[in-house]
Amino acid sequence: MDAESSAGRLDRLTLNIEDVARLLGINRSTAYELARRDALPVPVIRLGRRMVVSRRAMEALLGTDDDSGLGGDAA
C-alpha cells in the first residue's frame, strides 16, 4: 500500500485492527485476538463482523491527542 492511501485511511474517525496493530507495534493476528477478547487497551467497536477502534481513543492512549494527531507514520 502506498503512503497516500495509508494516510487517507488514517484521516477517518475510526481505525481498523490492522492500523491499531501497526501503531502499537504488534502483529496483526495478535491485535485481532486481543480485540476478540476485549483485551486491547482501547475499546473495540463492533459493526457486525467488522471491528474498529476510535481514532481519538488511540490518540489518547499514545499521547498524540494534539493537533498533529496520529498522522500517517506509526514509527
PDB file of N, CA and C in Angstrom:
ATOM      1  N   MET A   1       0.851  -1.171   0.000  1.00  0.00           N
ATOM      2  CA  MET A   1       0.000   0.000   0.000  1.00  0.00           C
ATOM      3  C   MET A   1       0.898   1.235   0.000  1.00  0.00           C
ATOM      4  N   ASP A   2       0.531   2.228  -0.783  1.00  0.00           N
ATOM      5  CA  ASP A   2       1.359   3.432  -0.851  1.00  0.00           C
ATOM      6  C   ASP A   2       1.026   4.379   0.294  1.00  0.00           C
ATOM      7  N   ALA A   3       1.910   5.338   0.512  1.00  0.00           N
ATOM      8  CA  ALA A   3       1.760   6.262   1.642  1.00  0.00           C
ATOM      9  C   ALA A   3       0.509   7.109   1.541  1.00  0.00           C
ATOM     10  N   GLU A   4       0.127   7.478   0.320  1.00  0.00           N
ATOM     11  CA  GLU A   4      -1.042   8.346   0.146  1.00  0.00           C
ATOM     12  C   GLU A   4      -2.320   7.646   0.589  1.00  0.00           C
ATOM     13  N   SER A   5      -2.530   6.395   0.171  1.00  0.00           N
ATOM     14  CA  SER A   5      -3.753   5.702   0.560  1.00  0.00           C
ATOM     15  C   SER A   5      -3.732   5.369   2.047  1.00  0.00           C
ATOM     16  N   SER A   6      -2.561   5.072   2.603  1.00  0.00           N
ATOM     17  CA  SER A   6      -2.453   4.812   4.035  1.00  0.00           C
ATOM     18  C   SER A   6      -2.785   6.066   4.831  1.00  0.00           C
ATOM     19  N   ALA A   7      -2.260   7.206   4.420  1.00  0.00           N
ATOM     20  CA  ALA A   7      -2.543   8.463   5.119  1.00  0.00           C
ATOM     21  C   ALA A   7      -4.020   8.808   5.012  1.00  0.00           C
ATOM     22  N   GLY A   8      -4.637   8.561   3.866  1.00  0.00           N
ATOM     23  CA  GLY A   8      -6.055   8.838   3.689  1.00  0.00           C
ATOM     24  C   GLY A   8      -6.907   8.018   4.634  1.00  0.00           C
ATOM     25  N   ARG A   9      -6.521   6.768   4.848  1.00  0.00           N
ATOM     26  CA  ARG A   9      -7.264   5.918   5.767  1.00  0.00           C
ATOM     27  C   ARG A   9      -7.157   6.429   7.185  1.00  0.00           C
ATOM     28  N   LEU A  10      -6.044   7.009   7.555  1.00  0.00           N
ATOM     29  CA  LEU A  10      -5.852   7.467   8.921  1.00  0.00           C
ATOM     30  C   LEU A  10      -6.548   8.794   9.192  1.00  0.00           C
ATOM     31  N   ASP A  11      -7.175   9.402   8.178  1.00  0.00           N
ATOM     32  CA  ASP A  11      -7.939  10.625   8.388  1.00  0.00           C
ATOM     33  C   ASP A  11      -9.351  10.324   8.886  1.00  0.00           C
ATOM     34  N   ARG A  12      -9.738   9.064   8.907  1.00  0.00           N
ATOM     35  CA  ARG A  12     -11.073   8.695   9.368  1.00  0.00           C
ATOM     36  C   ARG A  12     -11.171   8.751  10.882  1.00  0.00           C
ATOM     37  N   LEU A  13     -12.384   8.717  11.403  1.00  0.00           N
ATOM     38  CA  LEU A  13     -12.617   8.771  12.844  1.00  0.00           C
ATOM     39  C   LEU A  13     -12.365   7.433  13.528  1.00  0.00           C
ATOM     40  N   THR A  14     -12.304   6.361  12.742  1.00  0.00           N
ATOM     41  CA  THR A  14     -12.019   5.049  13.308  1.00  0.00           C
ATOM     42  C   THR A  14     -10.818   4.438  12.604  1.00  0.00           C
ATOM     43  N   LEU A  15     -10.185   3.501  13.282  1.00  0.00           N
ATOM     44  CA  LEU A  15      -9.051   2.769  12.737  1.00  0.00           C
ATOM     45  C   LEU A  15      -9.411   1.291  12.713  1.00  0.00           C
ATOM     46  N   ASN A  16      -9.001   0.592  11.660  1.00  0.00           N
ATOM     47  CA  ASN A  16      -9.238  -0.843  11.656  1.00  0.00           C
ATOM     48  C   ASN A  16      -8.177  -1.520  12.521  1.00  0.00           C
ATOM     49  N   ILE A  17      -8.348  -2.798  12.767  1.00  0.00           N
ATOM     50  CA  ILE A  17      -7.462  -3.516  13.677  1.00  0.00           C
ATOM     51  C   ILE A  17      -6.041  -3.599  13.112  1.00  0.00           C
ATOM     52  N   GLU A  18      -5.895  -3.653  11.813  1.00  0.00           N
ATOM     53  CA  GLU A  18      -4.560  -3.662  11.217  1.00  0.00           C
ATOM     54  C   GLU A  18      -3.825  -2.359  11.516  1.00  0.00           C
ATOM     55  N   ASP A  19      -4.524  -1.236  11.422  1.00  0.00           N
ATOM     56  CA  ASP A  19      -3.916   0.065  11.757  1.00  0.00           C
ATOM     57  C   ASP A  19      -3.523   0.114  13.234  1.00  0.00           C
ATOM     58  N   VAL A  20      -4.404  -0.399  14.090  1.00  0.00           N
ATOM     59  CA  VAL A  20      -4.131  -0.415  15.529  1.00  0.00           C
ATOM     60  C   VAL A  20      -2.879  -1.255  15.805  1.00  0.00           C
ATOM     61  N   ALA A  21      -2.785  -2.414  15.158  1.00  0.00           N
ATOM     62  CA  ALA A  21      -1.617  -3.282  15.342  1.00  0.00           C
ATOM     63  C   ALA A  21      -0.341  -2.545  14.959  1.00  0.00           C
ATOM     64  N   ARG A  22      -0.367  -1.871  13.826  1.00  0.00           N
ATOM     65  CA  ARG A  22       0.813  -1.150  13.351  1.00  0.00           C
ATOM     66  C   ARG A  22       1.200  -0.054  14.337  1.00  0.00           C
ATOM     67  N   LEU A  23       0.224   0.691  14.824  1.00  0.00           N
ATOM     68  CA  LEU A  23       0.504   1.784  15.761  1.00  0.00           C
ATOM     69  C   LEU A  23       1.028   1.276  17.109  1.00  0.00           C
ATOM     70  N   LEU A  24       0.558   0.103  17.537  1.00  0.00           N
ATOM     71  CA  LEU A  24       1.002  -0.459  18.808  1.00  0.00           C
ATOM     72  C   LEU A  24       2.290  -1.267  18.673  1.00  0.00           C
ATOM     73  N   GLY A  25       2.694  -1.539  17.442  1.00  0.00           N
ATOM     74  CA  GLY A  25       3.913  -2.317  17.229  1.00  0.00           C
ATOM     75  C   GLY A  25       3.748  -3.797  17.510  1.00  0.00           C
ATOM     76  N   ILE A  26       2.523  -4.315  17.281  1.00  0.00           N
ATOM     77  CA  ILE A  26       2.278  -5.749  17.456  1.00  0.00           C
ATOM     78  C   ILE A  26       1.817  -6.326  16.131  1.00  0.00           C
ATOM     79  N   ASN A  27       1.871  -7.653  16.003  1.00  0.00           N
ATOM     80  CA  ASN A  27       1.453  -8.217  14.721  1.00  0.00           C
ATOM     81  C   ASN A  27      -0.067  -8.264  14.620  1.00  0.00           C
ATOM     82  N   ARG A  28      -0.523  -8.378  13.408  1.00  0.00           N
ATOM     83  CA  ARG A  28      -1.953  -8.292  13.103  1.00  0.00           C
ATOM     84  C   ARG A  28      -2.760  -9.383  13.803  1.00  0.00           C
ATOM     85  N   SER A  29      -2.267 -10.618  13.791  1.00  0.00           N
ATOM     86  CA  SER A  29      -3.032 -11.709  14.405  1.00  0.00           C
ATOM     87  C   SER A  29      -3.169 -11.509  15.915  1.00  0.00           C
ATOM     88  N   THR A  30      -2.129 -10.989  16.555  1.00  0.00           N
ATOM     89  CA  THR A  30      -2.210 -10.690  17.983  1.00  0.00           C
ATOM     90  C   THR A  30      -3.250  -9.608  18.240  1.00  0.00           C
ATOM     91  N   ALA A  31      -3.255  -8.575  17.419  1.00  0.00           N
ATOM     92  CA  ALA A  31      -4.223  -7.490  17.585  1.00  0.00           C
ATOM     93  C   ALA A  31      -5.655  -7.996  17.419  1.00  0.00           C
ATOM     94  N   TYR A  32      -5.900  -8.854  16.417  1.00  0.00           N
ATOM     95  CA  TYR A  32      -7.244  -9.401  16.225  1.00  0.00           C
ATOM     96  C   TYR A  32      -7.651 -10.275  17.418  1.00  0.00           C
ATOM     97  N   GLU A  33      -6.723 -11.064  17.915  1.00  0.00           N
ATOM     98  CA  GLU A  33      -7.039 -11.912  19.067  1.00  0.00           C
ATOM     99  C   GLU A  33      -7.355 -11.063  20.296  1.00  0.00           C
ATOM    100  N   LEU A  34      -6.568 -10.030  20.543  1.00  0.00           N
ATOM    101  CA  LEU A  34      -6.845  -9.132  21.675  1.00  0.00           C
ATOM    102  C   LEU A  34      -8.191  -8.434  21.496  1.00  0.00           C
ATOM    103  N   ALA A  35      -8.504  -8.020  20.277  1.00  0.00           N
ATOM    104  CA  ALA A  35      -9.789  -7.361  20.010  1.00  0.00           C
ATOM    105  C   ALA A  35     -10.950  -8.319  20.272  1.00  0.00           C
ATOM    106  N   ARG A  36     -10.811  -9.572  19.840  1.00  0.00           N
ATOM    107  CA  ARG A  36     -11.874 -10.556  20.067  1.00  0.00           C
ATOM    108  C   ARG A  36     -12.140 -10.775  21.554  1.00  0.00           C
ATOM    109  N   ARG A  37     -11.066 -10.711  22.366  1.00  0.00           N
ATOM    110  CA  ARG A  37     -11.187 -10.941  23.805  1.00  0.00           C
ATOM    111  C   ARG A  37     -11.430  -9.656  24.593  1.00  0.00           C
ATOM    112  N   ASP A  38     -11.629  -8.537  23.898  1.00  0.00           N
ATOM    113  CA  ASP A  38     -11.769  -7.226  24.555  1.00  0.00           C
ATOM    114  C   ASP A  38     -10.561  -6.929  25.438  1.00  0.00           C
ATOM    115  N   ALA A  39      -9.378  -7.277  24.959  1.00  0.00           N
ATOM    116  CA  ALA A  39      -8.161  -7.095  25.741  1.00  0.00           C
ATOM    117  C   ALA A  39      -7.240  -6.014  25.166  1.00  0.00           C
ATOM    118  N   LEU A  40      -7.683  -5.321  24.126  1.00  0.00           N
ATOM    119  CA  LEU A  40      -6.896  -4.187  23.645  1.00  0.00           C
ATOM    120  C   LEU A  40      -6.982  -3.076  24.684  1.00  0.00           C
ATOM    121  N   PRO A  41      -5.985  -2.204  24.765  1.00  0.00           N
ATOM    122  CA  PRO A  41      -6.024  -1.126  25.765  1.00  0.00           C
ATOM    123  C   PRO A  41      -6.982   0.008  25.404  1.00  0.00           C
ATOM    124  N   VAL A  42      -7.772  -0.173  24.358  1.00  0.00           N
ATOM    125  CA  VAL A  42      -8.802   0.790  23.951  1.00  0.00           C
ATOM    126  C   VAL A  42     -10.074   0.013  23.631  1.00  0.00           C
ATOM    127  N   PRO A  43     -11.246   0.641  23.769  1.00  0.00           N
ATOM    128  CA  PRO A  43     -12.497  -0.056  23.460  1.00  0.00           C
ATOM    129  C   PRO A  43     -12.595  -0.411  21.969  1.00  0.00           C
ATOM    130  N   VAL A  44     -13.123  -1.591  21.704  1.00  0.00           N
ATOM    131  CA  VAL A  44     -13.334  -2.060  20.333  1.00  0.00           C
ATOM    132  C   VAL A  44     -14.802  -1.843  19.982  1.00  0.00           C
ATOM    133  N   ILE A  45     -15.050  -1.255  18.833  1.00  0.00           N
ATOM    134  CA  ILE A  45     -16.408  -1.033  18.332  1.00  0.00           C
ATOM    135  C   ILE A  45     -16.695  -2.131  17.320  1.00  0.00           C
ATOM    136  N   ARG A  46     -17.762  -2.899  17.557  1.00  0.00           N
ATOM    137  CA  ARG A  46     -18.117  -3.986  16.650  1.00  0.00           C
ATOM    138  C   ARG A  46     -19.265  -3.536  15.752  1.00  0.00           C
ATOM    139  N   LEU A  47     -19.048  -3.684  14.460  1.00  0.00           N
ATOM    140  CA  LEU A  47     -20.052  -3.350  13.453  1.00  0.00           C
ATOM    141  C   LEU A  47     -20.297  -4.612  12.641  1.00  0.00           C
ATOM    142  N   GLY A  48     -21.200  -5.455  13.125  1.00  0.00           N
ATOM    143  CA  GLY A  48     -21.357  -6.766  12.520  1.00  0.00           C
ATOM    144  C   GLY A  48     -20.096  -7.573  12.797  1.00  0.00           C
ATOM    145  N   ARG A  49     -19.466  -8.075  11.742  1.00  0.00           N
ATOM    146  CA  ARG A  49     -18.213  -8.821  11.906  1.00  0.00           C
ATOM    147  C   ARG A  49     -16.993  -7.909  11.926  1.00  0.00           C
ATOM    148  N   ARG A  50     -17.172  -6.679  11.561  1.00  0.00           N
ATOM    149  CA  ARG A  50     -16.059  -5.731  11.494  1.00  0.00           C
ATOM    150  C   ARG A  50     -15.752  -5.143  12.877  1.00  0.00           C
ATOM    151  N   MET A  51     -14.480  -4.967  13.160  1.00  0.00           N
ATOM    152  CA  MET A  51     -14.058  -4.379  14.428  1.00  0.00           C
ATOM    153  C   MET A  51     -13.213  -3.149  14.128  1.00  0.00           C
ATOM    154  N   VAL A  52     -13.527  -2.046  14.788  1.00  0.00           N
ATOM    155  CA  VAL A  52     -12.760  -0.810  14.632  1.00  0.00           C
ATOM    156  C   VAL A  52     -12.526  -0.206  16.009  1.00  0.00           C
ATOM    157  N   VAL A  53     -11.628   0.763  16.045  1.00  0.00           N
ATOM    158  CA  VAL A  53     -11.276   1.456  17.278  1.00  0.00           C
ATOM    159  C   VAL A  53     -11.355   2.950  17.006  1.00  0.00           C
ATOM    160  N   SER A  54     -11.812   3.704  17.974  1.00  0.00           N
ATOM    161  CA  SER A  54     -11.876   5.151  17.848  1.00  0.00           C
ATOM    162  C   SER A  54     -10.465   5.713  17.689  1.00  0.00           C
ATOM    163  N   ARG A  55     -10.309   6.559  16.708  1.00  0.00           N
ATOM    164  CA  ARG A  55      -9.021   7.215  16.496  1.00  0.00           C
ATOM    165  C   ARG A  55      -8.646   8.057  17.719  1.00  0.00           C
ATOM    166  N   ARG A  56      -9.628   8.740  18.294  1.00  0.00           N
ATOM    167  CA  ARG A  56      -9.367   9.569  19.483  1.00  0.00           C
ATOM    168  C   ARG A  56      -8.907   8.732  20.661  1.00  0.00           C
ATOM    169  N   ALA A  57      -9.466   7.532  20.816  1.00  0.00           N
ATOM    170  CA  ALA A  57      -9.032   6.643  21.905  1.00  0.00           C
ATOM    171  C   ALA A  57      -7.573   6.240  21.712  1.00  0.00           C
ATOM    172  N   MET A  58      -7.192   5.957  20.462  1.00  0.00           N
ATOM    173  CA  MET A  58      -5.789   5.602  20.189  1.00  0.00           C
ATOM    174  C   MET A  58      -4.878   6.802  20.413  1.00  0.00           C
ATOM    175  N   GLU A  59      -5.315   7.981  19.996  1.00  0.00           N
ATOM    176  CA  GLU A  59      -4.506   9.191  20.208  1.00  0.00           C
ATOM    177  C   GLU A  59      -4.296   9.438  21.700  1.00  0.00           C
ATOM    178  N   ALA A  60      -5.348   9.249  22.502  1.00  0.00           N
ATOM    179  CA  ALA A  60      -5.228   9.447  23.947  1.00  0.00           C
ATOM    180  C   ALA A  60      -4.273   8.415  24.545  1.00  0.00           C
ATOM    181  N   LEU A  61      -4.391   7.168  24.119  1.00  0.00           N
ATOM    182  CA  LEU A  61      -3.516   6.113  24.618  1.00  0.00           C
ATOM    183  C   LEU A  61      -2.055   6.405  24.303  1.00  0.00           C
ATOM    184  N   LEU A  62      -1.797   6.858  23.080  1.00  0.00           N
ATOM    185  CA  LEU A  62      -0.428   7.077  22.629  1.00  0.00           C
ATOM    186  C   LEU A  62       0.089   8.472  22.961  1.00  0.00           C
ATOM    187  N   GLY A  63      -0.768   9.302  23.542  1.00  0.00           N
ATOM    188  CA  GLY A  63      -0.343  10.651  23.907  1.00  0.00           C
ATOM    189  C   GLY A  63      -0.150  11.551  22.705  1.00  0.00           C
ATOM    190  N   THR A  64      -0.932  11.321  21.656  1.00  0.00           N
ATOM    191  CA  THR A  64      -0.829  12.140  20.445  1.00  0.00           C
ATOM    192  C   THR A  64      -2.123  12.885  20.179  1.00  0.00           C
ATOM    193  N   ASP A  65      -2.850  13.248  21.238  1.00  0.00           N
ATOM    194  CA  ASP A  65      -4.147  13.892  21.055  1.00  0.00           C
ATOM    195  C   ASP A  65      -4.031  15.402  20.884  1.00  0.00           C
ATOM    196  N   ASP A  66      -2.916  15.864  20.323  1.00  0.00           N
ATOM    197  CA  ASP A  66      -2.761  17.281  19.990  1.00  0.00           C
ATOM    198  C   ASP A  66      -3.107  17.485  18.520  1.00  0.00           C
ATOM    199  N   ASP A  67      -2.756  18.627  17.951  1.00  0.00           N
ATOM    200  CA  ASP A  67      -3.097  18.919  16.558  1.00  0.00           C
ATOM    201  C   ASP A  67      -2.401  17.988  15.566  1.00  0.00           C
ATOM    202  N   SER A  68      -1.254  17.432  15.933  1.00  0.00           N
ATOM    203  CA  SER A  68      -0.536  16.575  14.986  1.00  0.00           C
ATOM    204  C   SER A  68      -1.219  15.229  14.816  1.00  0.00           C
ATOM    205  N   GLY A  69      -1.925  14.754  15.818  1.00  0.00           N
ATOM    206  CA  GLY A  69      -2.653  13.504  15.718  1.00  0.00           C
ATOM    207  C   GLY A  69      -1.746  12.326  15.438  1.00  0.00           C
ATOM    208  N   LEU A  70      -2.350  11.266  14.890  1.00  0.00           N
ATOM    209  CA  LEU A  70      -1.596  10.070  14.578  1.00  0.00           C
ATOM    210  C   LEU A  70      -0.823  10.211  13.289  1.00  0.00           C
ATOM    211  N   GLY A  71      -1.289  11.077  12.413  1.00  0.00           N
ATOM    212  CA  GLY A  71      -0.599  11.253  11.131  1.00  0.00           C
ATOM    213  C   GLY A  71      -0.604   9.973  10.328  1.00  0.00           C
ATOM    214  N   GLY A  72       0.261   9.880   9.354  1.00  0.00           N
ATOM    215  CA  GLY A  72       0.328   8.692   8.524  1.00  0.00           C
ATOM    216  C   GLY A  72       1.503   7.818   8.883  1.00  0.00           C
ATOM    217  N   ASP A  73       2.299   8.212   9.875  1.00  0.00           N
ATOM    218  CA  ASP A  73       3.512   7.494  10.207  1.00  0.00           C
ATOM    219  C   ASP A  73       3.386   6.918  11.604  1.00  0.00           C
ATOM    220  N   ALA A  74       3.453   5.600  11.708  1.00  0.00           N
ATOM    221  CA  ALA A  74       3.299   4.942  13.000  1.00  0.00           C
ATOM    222  C   ALA A  74       4.624   4.810  13.734  1.00  0.00           C
ATOM    223  N   ALA A  75       5.714   5.191  13.150  1.00  0.00           N
ATOM    224  CA  ALA A  75       7.019   4.999  13.789  1.00  0.00           C
ATOM    225  C   ALA A  75       7.303   6.059  14.826  1.00  0.00           C
TER     226      ALA A  75
END
